[in-house]
Amino acid sequence: MATASETATNAGVVHAISNWINDQFEIASPTQLEAPPNLRHLRHFATDPDSGVSGMVYVGSDHVYYQGDGPNEPWWDMGGLTTGLRELLRRNPPMDARTQAALSAISNYANPNGQGGELVVTIASLAGVSSDPWLAQDGGPQFNPAGTNGTLSRVSVAAVGLTPGAASAIAYSIDLDDGGFDGNLTTVGNPEFIYAVLVCMESTTLPERSFLFEALGVDPGAFVVVRVELV
């Protein structure tokens, strides 16, 4: 049986945790360690190169540790993962055939070198991410031909809450290779961050050429869905 340190971590999970680490340097206060800790027994993996950080991640029971590429790079104690990310890492969901087919279909449709079609991306938090449900609809996501399938993103999309002032805008990115989803929600209080992996949901009610995804990795009690329509 593979040990925790030998367990392969799926690309979408690596994507979500790598982006969390990058944001921690911006919004939190990671602790630089004076000496390299003995972490080789911990589950570890290289960061996603598109996340903004490049190095190795070691996940302990209470803390996450990070060292950038290079022998002279410092070690950092990044603090503890969110509950949602820790559960996502435990589940380590593989890319299923339905999700893979959906992401490929979206890429082929949106890529200017392919069909160059227009998309509508709808993101909805039905519970838990902020104090009130909210919904954001983007009729002009930007396609970036990075990797194999590319990415969809938008710097700012209006997010409408059911309660006035519950949410105002969200910046998001969808990796069409691994299903990684990152969202930065601007609310009345502090900004809130979403790190997740998208899994395509089976639906008999959606119109043809529409895909509905659940975001895995949000904290318990939260439920976020993403719908992509090929228009």
C-alpha atoms as a PDB file:
ATOM      1  CA  MET A   1       0.000   0.000   0.000  1.00  0.00           C
ATOM      2  CA  ALA A   2       1.302   3.461  -0.907  1.00  0.00           C
ATOM      3  CA  THR A   3       2.238   5.747   1.964  1.00  0.00           C
ATOM      4  CA  ALA A   4       0.878   9.288   2.207  1.00  0.00           C
ATOM      5  CA  SER A   5       4.113  10.684   0.773  1.00  0.00           C
ATOM      6  CA  GLU A   6       3.870   8.327  -2.231  1.00  0.00           C
ATOM      7  CA  THR A   7       0.228   8.987  -3.057  1.00  0.00           C
ATOM      8  CA  ALA A   8      -0.130  10.725  -6.420  1.00  0.00           C
ATOM      9  CA  THR A   9      -2.095  13.947  -6.116  1.00  0.00           C
ATOM     10  CA  ASN A  10      -4.429  14.679  -9.002  1.00  0.00           C
ATOM     11  CA  ALA A  11      -3.800  17.765 -11.122  1.00  0.00           C
ATOM     12  CA  GLY A  12      -6.976  19.616 -10.138  1.00  0.00           C
ATOM     13  CA  VAL A  13      -6.179  19.262  -6.445  1.00  0.00           C
ATOM     14  CA  VAL A  14      -2.597  20.452  -7.024  1.00  0.00           C
ATOM     15  CA  HIS A  15      -4.023  23.431  -8.927  1.00  0.00           C
ATOM     16  CA  ALA A  16      -6.335  24.433  -6.061  1.00  0.00           C
ATOM     17  CA  ILE A  17      -3.719  24.098  -3.297  1.00  0.00           C
ATOM     18  CA  SER A  18      -1.038  25.876  -5.354  1.00  0.00           C
ATOM     19  CA  ASN A  19      -3.317  28.874  -5.825  1.00  0.00           C
ATOM     20  CA  TRP A  20      -4.103  28.855  -2.107  1.00  0.00           C
ATOM     21  CA  ILE A  21      -0.356  29.025  -1.356  1.00  0.00           C
ATOM     22  CA  ASN A  22       0.135  31.897  -3.791  1.00  0.00           C
ATOM     23  CA  ASP A  23      -2.698  33.845  -2.155  1.00  0.00           C
ATOM     24  CA  GLN A  24      -1.358  33.183   1.338  1.00  0.00           C
ATOM     25  CA  PHE A  25       1.713  35.253   0.506  1.00  0.00           C
ATOM     26  CA  GLU A  26      -0.655  38.098  -0.393  1.00  0.00           C
ATOM     27  CA  ILE A  27      -3.364  37.938   2.267  1.00  0.00           C
ATOM     28  CA  ALA A  28      -1.807  36.079   5.218  1.00  0.00           C
ATOM     29  CA  SER A  29       1.556  36.017   7.016  1.00  0.00           C
ATOM     30  CA  PRO A  30       3.442  32.782   6.311  1.00  0.00           C
ATOM     31  CA  THR A  31       6.306  32.110   8.725  1.00  0.00           C
ATOM     32  CA  GLN A  32       9.796  31.737   7.287  1.00  0.00           C
ATOM     33  CA  LEU A  33      11.586  28.847   8.981  1.00  0.00           C
ATOM     34  CA  GLU A  34      15.164  29.165  10.172  1.00  0.00           C
ATOM     35  CA  ALA A  35      16.143  25.603   9.283  1.00  0.00           C
ATOM     36  CA  PRO A  36      14.801  23.038   6.793  1.00  0.00           C
ATOM     37  CA  PRO A  37      12.259  20.832   8.584  1.00  0.00           C
ATOM     38  CA  ASN A  38      12.232  17.042   8.227  1.00  0.00           C
ATOM     39  CA  LEU A  39       9.143  16.629   6.049  1.00  0.00           C
ATOM     40  CA  ARG A  40      10.042  13.814   3.682  1.00  0.00           C
ATOM     41  CA  HIS A  41       7.456  11.517   5.275  1.00  0.00           C
ATOM     42  CA  LEU A  42       4.626  13.945   4.490  1.00  0.00           C
ATOM     43  CA  ARG A  43       2.508  13.921   1.379  1.00  0.00           C
ATOM     44  CA  HIS A  44       4.211  16.239  -1.074  1.00  0.00           C
ATOM     45  CA  PHE A  45       4.006  17.413  -4.659  1.00  0.00           C
ATOM     46  CA  ALA A  46       5.293  20.112  -7.012  1.00  0.00           C
ATOM     47  CA  THR A  47       3.130  23.198  -7.387  1.00  0.00           C
ATOM     48  CA  ASP A  48       1.140  24.005 -10.502  1.00  0.00           C
ATOM     49  CA  PRO A  49       3.465  26.248 -12.579  1.00  0.00           C
ATOM     50  CA  ASP A  50       0.532  28.470 -13.583  1.00  0.00           C
ATOM     51  CA  SER A  51      -0.315  29.327  -9.968  1.00  0.00           C
ATOM     52  CA  GLY A  52       2.320  31.990  -9.410  1.00  0.00           C
ATOM     53  CA  VAL A  53       4.476  29.839  -7.133  1.00  0.00           C
ATOM     54  CA  SER A  54       7.035  27.251  -8.214  1.00  0.00           C
ATOM     55  CA  GLY A  55       8.346  24.761  -5.690  1.00  0.00           C
ATOM     56  CA  MET A  56       7.389  21.842  -3.457  1.00  0.00           C
ATOM     57  CA  VAL A  57       4.457  21.559  -1.061  1.00  0.00           C
ATOM     58  CA  TYR A  58       4.411  19.307   2.016  1.00  0.00           C
ATOM     59  CA  VAL A  59       1.058  18.755   3.719  1.00  0.00           C
ATOM     60  CA  GLY A  60       1.068  17.890   7.417  1.00  0.00           C
ATOM     61  CA  SER A  61      -1.810  17.199   9.771  1.00  0.00           C
ATOM     62  CA  ASP A  62      -2.011  20.827  10.903  1.00  0.00           C
ATOM     63  CA  HIS A  63       0.312  22.849   8.692  1.00  0.00           C
ATOM     64  CA  VAL A  64       1.391  23.135   5.071  1.00  0.00           C
ATOM     65  CA  TYR A  65       5.030  23.790   4.240  1.00  0.00           C
ATOM     66  CA  TYR A  66       6.455  25.229   1.049  1.00  0.00           C
ATOM     67  CA  GLN A  67       9.899  25.708  -0.473  1.00  0.00           C
ATOM     68  CA  GLY A  68      10.496  27.477  -3.769  1.00  0.00           C
ATOM     69  CA  ASP A  69      12.617  25.915  -6.474  1.00  0.00           C
ATOM     70  CA  GLY A  70      16.333  26.038  -5.751  1.00  0.00           C
ATOM     71  CA  PRO A  71      18.471  24.756  -2.850  1.00  0.00           C
ATOM     72  CA  ASN A  72      18.871  28.195  -1.285  1.00  0.00           C
ATOM     73  CA  GLU A  73      15.187  29.101  -1.299  1.00  0.00           C
ATOM     74  CA  PRO A  74      13.708  29.529   2.205  1.00  0.00           C
ATOM     75  CA  TRP A  75      11.197  27.184   3.802  1.00  0.00           C
ATOM     76  CA  TRP A  76       7.805  28.559   4.762  1.00  0.00           C
ATOM     77  CA  ASP A  77       5.126  27.460   7.194  1.00  0.00           C
ATOM     78  CA  MET A  78       1.949  28.430   5.314  1.00  0.00           C
ATOM     79  CA  GLY A  79      -0.470  27.622   8.152  1.00  0.00           C
ATOM     80  CA  GLY A  80      -3.358  25.174   7.893  1.00  0.00           C
ATOM     81  CA  LEU A  81      -5.369  24.340   4.805  1.00  0.00           C
ATOM     82  CA  THR A  82      -9.002  25.338   4.716  1.00  0.00           C
ATOM     83  CA  THR A  83     -11.393  22.570   5.745  1.00  0.00           C
ATOM     84  CA  GLY A  84     -12.672  22.314   2.182  1.00  0.00           C
ATOM     85  CA  LEU A  85      -9.188  21.953   0.666  1.00  0.00           C
ATOM     86  CA  ARG A  86      -8.176  19.365   3.265  1.00  0.00           C
ATOM     87  CA  GLU A  87     -11.251  17.290   2.415  1.00  0.00           C
ATOM     88  CA  LEU A  88     -10.526  17.745  -1.294  1.00  0.00           C
ATOM     89  CA  LEU A  89      -6.988  16.448  -0.770  1.00  0.00           C
ATOM     90  CA  ARG A  90      -8.298  13.483   1.216  1.00  0.00           C
ATOM     91  CA  ARG A  91     -10.765  12.563  -1.532  1.00  0.00           C
ATOM     92  CA  ASN A  92      -8.244  13.339  -4.302  1.00  0.00           C
ATOM     93  CA  PRO A  93     -10.943  13.000  -6.985  1.00  0.00           C
ATOM     94  CA  PRO A  94      -9.687  11.776 -10.374  1.00  0.00           C
ATOM     95  CA  MET A  95     -10.831  13.369 -13.603  1.00  0.00           C
ATOM     96  CA  ASP A  96     -13.915  11.399 -14.673  1.00  0.00           C
ATOM     97  CA  ALA A  97     -14.869  10.845 -18.318  1.00  0.00           C
ATOM     98  CA  ARG A  98     -17.908  13.165 -18.208  1.00  0.00           C
ATOM     99  CA  THR A  99     -15.885  16.074 -16.830  1.00  0.00           C
ATOM    100  CA  GLN A 100     -13.025  15.492 -19.242  1.00  0.00           C
ATOM    101  CA  ALA A 101     -15.406  15.435 -22.219  1.00  0.00           C
ATOM    102  CA  ALA A 102     -17.180  18.605 -21.049  1.00  0.00           C
ATOM    103  CA  LEU A 103     -13.945  20.572 -20.555  1.00  0.00           C
ATOM    104  CA  SER A 104     -12.664  19.458 -23.964  1.00  0.00           C
ATOM    105  CA  ALA A 105     -15.949  20.425 -25.650  1.00  0.00           C
ATOM    106  CA  ILE A 106     -15.828  23.893 -24.063  1.00  0.00           C
ATOM    107  CA  SER A 107     -12.214  24.339 -25.146  1.00  0.00           C
ATOM    108  CA  ASN A 108     -12.856  23.255 -28.722  1.00  0.00           C
ATOM    109  CA  TYR A 109     -15.821  25.622 -28.963  1.00  0.00           C
ATOM    110  CA  ALA A 110     -14.134  28.667 -27.385  1.00  0.00           C
ATOM    111  CA  ASN A 111     -10.681  28.370 -28.961  1.00  0.00           C
ATOM    112  CA  PRO A 112     -10.277  30.971 -31.753  1.00  0.00           C
ATOM    113  CA  ASN A 113      -8.252  28.377 -33.657  1.00  0.00           C
ATOM    114  CA  GLY A 114     -11.242  26.055 -33.479  1.00  0.00           C
ATOM    115  CA  GLN A 115     -14.848  27.166 -33.636  1.00  0.00           C
ATOM    116  CA  GLY A 116     -14.251  30.476 -31.868  1.00  0.00           C
ATOM    117  CA  GLY A 117     -17.719  30.382 -30.356  1.00  0.00           C
ATOM    118  CA  GLU A 118     -19.124  32.591 -27.619  1.00  0.00           C
ATOM    119  CA  LEU A 119     -19.754  31.344 -24.082  1.00  0.00           C
ATOM    120  CA  VAL A 120     -21.832  32.352 -21.101  1.00  0.00           C
ATOM    121  CA  VAL A 121     -20.419  31.401 -17.699  1.00  0.00           C
ATOM    122  CA  THR A 122     -22.743  31.495 -14.696  1.00  0.00           C
ATOM    123  CA  ILE A 123     -21.376  31.051 -11.172  1.00  0.00           C
ATOM    124  CA  ALA A 124     -23.785  30.605  -8.289  1.00  0.00           C
ATOM    125  CA  SER A 125     -23.193  30.190  -4.574  1.00  0.00           C
ATOM    126  CA  LEU A 126     -26.320  28.583  -3.197  1.00  0.00           C
ATOM    127  CA  ALA A 127     -25.051  28.312   0.371  1.00  0.00           C
ATOM    128  CA  GLY A 128     -22.121  28.905   2.598  1.00  0.00           C
ATOM    129  CA  VAL A 129     -19.373  30.815   0.761  1.00  0.00           C
ATOM    130  CA  SER A 130     -20.663  34.209   1.890  1.00  0.00           C
ATOM    131  CA  SER A 131     -23.455  35.167   4.242  1.00  0.00           C
ATOM    132  CA  ASP A 132     -26.005  35.167   1.437  1.00  0.00           C
ATOM    133  CA  PRO A 133     -26.458  33.312  -1.851  1.00  0.00           C
ATOM    134  CA  TRP A 134     -25.180  35.155  -4.899  1.00  0.00           C
ATOM    135  CA  LEU A 135     -25.012  34.739  -8.657  1.00  0.00           C
ATOM    136  CA  ALA A 136     -22.661  36.075 -11.339  1.00  0.00           C
ATOM    137  CA  GLN A 137     -23.166  35.774 -15.102  1.00  0.00           C
ATOM    138  CA  ASP A 138     -20.400  36.470 -17.599  1.00  0.00           C
ATOM    139  CA  GLY A 139     -21.234  36.749 -21.294  1.00  0.00           C
ATOM    140  CA  GLY A 140     -17.661  37.404 -22.389  1.00  0.00           C
ATOM    141  CA  PRO A 141     -15.100  35.167 -20.672  1.00  0.00           C
ATOM    142  CA  GLN A 142     -11.535  35.497 -21.935  1.00  0.00           C
ATOM    143  CA  PHE A 143     -10.045  32.359 -23.506  1.00  0.00           C
ATOM    144  CA  ASN A 144      -6.314  31.863 -23.008  1.00  0.00           C
ATOM    145  CA  PRO A 145      -4.726  29.021 -25.035  1.00  0.00           C
ATOM    146  CA  ALA A 146      -2.455  27.901 -22.189  1.00  0.00           C
ATOM    147  CA  GLY A 147      -1.655  24.218 -21.724  1.00  0.00           C
ATOM    148  CA  THR A 148      -3.653  21.754 -23.813  1.00  0.00           C
ATOM    149  CA  ASN A 149      -7.229  23.010 -23.459  1.00  0.00           C
ATOM    150  CA  GLY A 150      -6.637  26.569 -22.280  1.00  0.00           C
ATOM    151  CA  THR A 151      -8.352  28.610 -19.578  1.00  0.00           C
ATOM    152  CA  LEU A 152     -11.417  30.813 -19.179  1.00  0.00           C
ATOM    153  CA  SER A 153     -11.174  33.861 -16.938  1.00  0.00           C
ATOM    154  CA  ARG A 154     -12.484  37.308 -16.171  1.00  0.00           C
ATOM    155  CA  VAL A 155     -10.988  40.011 -13.958  1.00  0.00           C
ATOM    156  CA  SER A 156     -14.346  41.228 -12.648  1.00  0.00           C
ATOM    157  CA  VAL A 157     -17.954  40.151 -13.109  1.00  0.00           C
ATOM    158  CA  ALA A 158     -20.871  41.627 -11.185  1.00  0.00           C
ATOM    159  CA  ALA A 159     -22.163  39.271  -8.500  1.00  0.00           C
ATOM    160  CA  VAL A 160     -25.730  39.845  -7.383  1.00  0.00           C
ATOM    161  CA  GLY A 161     -26.765  38.780  -3.877  1.00  0.00           C
ATOM    162  CA  LEU A 162     -30.262  37.992  -2.745  1.00  0.00           C
ATOM    163  CA  THR A 163     -29.713  40.460   0.086  1.00  0.00           C
ATOM    164  CA  PRO A 164     -28.597  43.974  -0.962  1.00  0.00           C
ATOM    165  CA  GLY A 165     -24.835  44.317  -0.549  1.00  0.00           C
ATOM    166  CA  ALA A 166     -24.252  40.590  -0.052  1.00  0.00           C
ATOM    167  CA  ALA A 167     -21.794  40.436  -2.945  1.00  0.00           C
ATOM    168  CA  SER A 168     -20.594  42.840  -5.597  1.00  0.00           C
ATOM    169  CA  ALA A 169     -18.071  41.208  -7.962  1.00  0.00           C
ATOM    170  CA  ILE A 170     -16.039  38.081  -8.588  1.00  0.00           C
ATOM    171  CA  ALA A 171     -12.811  37.458 -10.470  1.00  0.00           C
ATOM    172  CA  TYR A 172     -12.494  33.863 -11.629  1.00  0.00           C
ATOM    173  CA  SER A 173     -10.423  31.421 -13.637  1.00  0.00           C
ATOM    174  CA  ILE A 174     -11.306  27.953 -14.971  1.00  0.00           C
ATOM    175  CA  ASP A 175      -8.518  25.613 -16.084  1.00  0.00           C
ATOM    176  CA  LEU A 176      -9.927  23.501 -18.909  1.00  0.00           C
ATOM    177  CA  ASP A 177      -7.134  20.931 -18.525  1.00  0.00           C
ATOM    178  CA  ASP A 178      -7.590  19.896 -14.897  1.00  0.00           C
ATOM    179  CA  GLY A 179     -10.903  21.520 -13.907  1.00  0.00           C
ATOM    180  CA  GLY A 180      -9.265  23.827 -11.375  1.00  0.00           C
ATOM    181  CA  PHE A 181     -11.472  26.768 -10.395  1.00  0.00           C
ATOM    182  CA  ASP A 182     -10.353  29.896  -8.555  1.00  0.00           C
ATOM    183  CA  GLY A 183     -12.611  32.721  -7.493  1.00  0.00           C
ATOM    184  CA  ASN A 184     -12.003  35.968  -5.627  1.00  0.00           C
ATOM    185  CA  LEU A 185     -15.302  37.324  -4.362  1.00  0.00           C
ATOM    186  CA  THR A 186     -15.514  40.977  -3.327  1.00  0.00           C
ATOM    187  CA  THR A 187     -18.041  41.401  -0.527  1.00  0.00           C
ATOM    188  CA  VAL A 188     -19.063  44.118   1.882  1.00  0.00           C
ATOM    189  CA  GLY A 189     -16.432  42.851   4.326  1.00  0.00           C
ATOM    190  CA  ASN A 190     -13.147  41.182   3.455  1.00  0.00           C
ATOM    191  CA  PRO A 191     -12.635  39.455   0.096  1.00  0.00           C
ATOM    192  CA  GLU A 192     -13.407  35.738   0.044  1.00  0.00           C
ATOM    193  CA  PHE A 193     -11.505  33.158  -1.949  1.00  0.00           C
ATOM    194  CA  ILE A 194     -12.730  29.967  -3.595  1.00  0.00           C
ATOM    195  CA  TYR A 195     -10.337  27.137  -4.440  1.00  0.00           C
ATOM    196  CA  ALA A 196     -12.009  24.155  -6.059  1.00  0.00           C
ATOM    197  CA  VAL A 197     -12.051  21.413  -8.667  1.00  0.00           C
ATOM    198  CA  LEU A 198     -14.993  21.328 -11.075  1.00  0.00           C
ATOM    199  CA  VAL A 199     -16.851  18.059 -11.603  1.00  0.00           C
ATOM    200  CA  CYS A 200     -19.453  17.845 -14.364  1.00  0.00           C
ATOM    201  CA  MET A 201     -22.902  16.948 -13.040  1.00  0.00           C
ATOM    202  CA  GLU A 202     -25.314  14.726 -14.932  1.00  0.00           C
ATOM    203  CA  SER A 203     -28.474  16.604 -15.853  1.00  0.00           C
ATOM    204  CA  THR A 204     -31.538  15.772 -17.915  1.00  0.00           C
ATOM    205  CA  THR A 205     -33.014  19.272 -17.640  1.00  0.00           C
ATOM    206  CA  LEU A 206     -30.220  21.434 -19.057  1.00  0.00           C
ATOM    207  CA  PRO A 207     -30.456  22.538 -22.675  1.00  0.00           C
ATOM    208  CA  GLU A 208     -28.119  20.867 -25.136  1.00  0.00           C
ATOM    209  CA  ARG A 209     -24.678  22.533 -25.288  1.00  0.00           C
ATOM    210  CA  SER A 210     -24.838  23.480 -21.605  1.00  0.00           C
ATOM    211  CA  PHE A 211     -22.619  21.999 -18.896  1.00  0.00           C
ATOM    212  CA  LEU A 212     -23.211  22.183 -15.147  1.00  0.00           C
ATOM    213  CA  PHE A 213     -20.311  21.673 -12.716  1.00  0.00           C
ATOM    214  CA  GLU A 214     -20.132  21.326  -8.948  1.00  0.00           C
ATOM    215  CA  ALA A 215     -17.154  22.991  -7.273  1.00  0.00           C
ATOM    216  CA  LEU A 216     -15.455  20.492  -4.952  1.00  0.00           C
ATOM    217  CA  GLY A 217     -13.178  21.983  -2.301  1.00  0.00           C
ATOM    218  CA  VAL A 218     -15.411  24.668  -0.822  1.00  0.00           C
ATOM    219  CA  ASP A 219     -15.922  24.478   2.909  1.00  0.00           C
ATOM    220  CA  PRO A 220     -18.563  22.182   4.448  1.00  0.00           C
ATOM    221  CA  GLY A 221     -22.056  23.598   4.113  1.00  0.00           C
ATOM    222  CA  ALA A 222     -21.164  25.581   0.993  1.00  0.00           C
ATOM    223  CA  PHE A 223     -22.474  24.667  -2.446  1.00  0.00           C
ATOM    224  CA  VAL A 224     -21.119  26.392  -5.543  1.00  0.00           C
ATOM    225  CA  VAL A 225     -22.051  25.497  -9.112  1.00  0.00           C
ATOM    226  CA  VAL A 226     -20.691  26.712 -12.438  1.00  0.00           C
ATOM    227  CA  ARG A 227     -22.670  26.533 -15.663  1.00  0.00           C
ATOM    228  CA  VAL A 228     -21.059  27.007 -19.079  1.00  0.00           C
ATOM    229  CA  GLU A 229     -23.308  27.550 -22.114  1.00  0.00           C
ATOM    230  CA  LEU A 230     -22.107  27.327 -25.704  1.00  0.00           C
ATOM    231  CA  VAL A 231     -24.134  30.061 -27.457  1.00  0.00           C
END
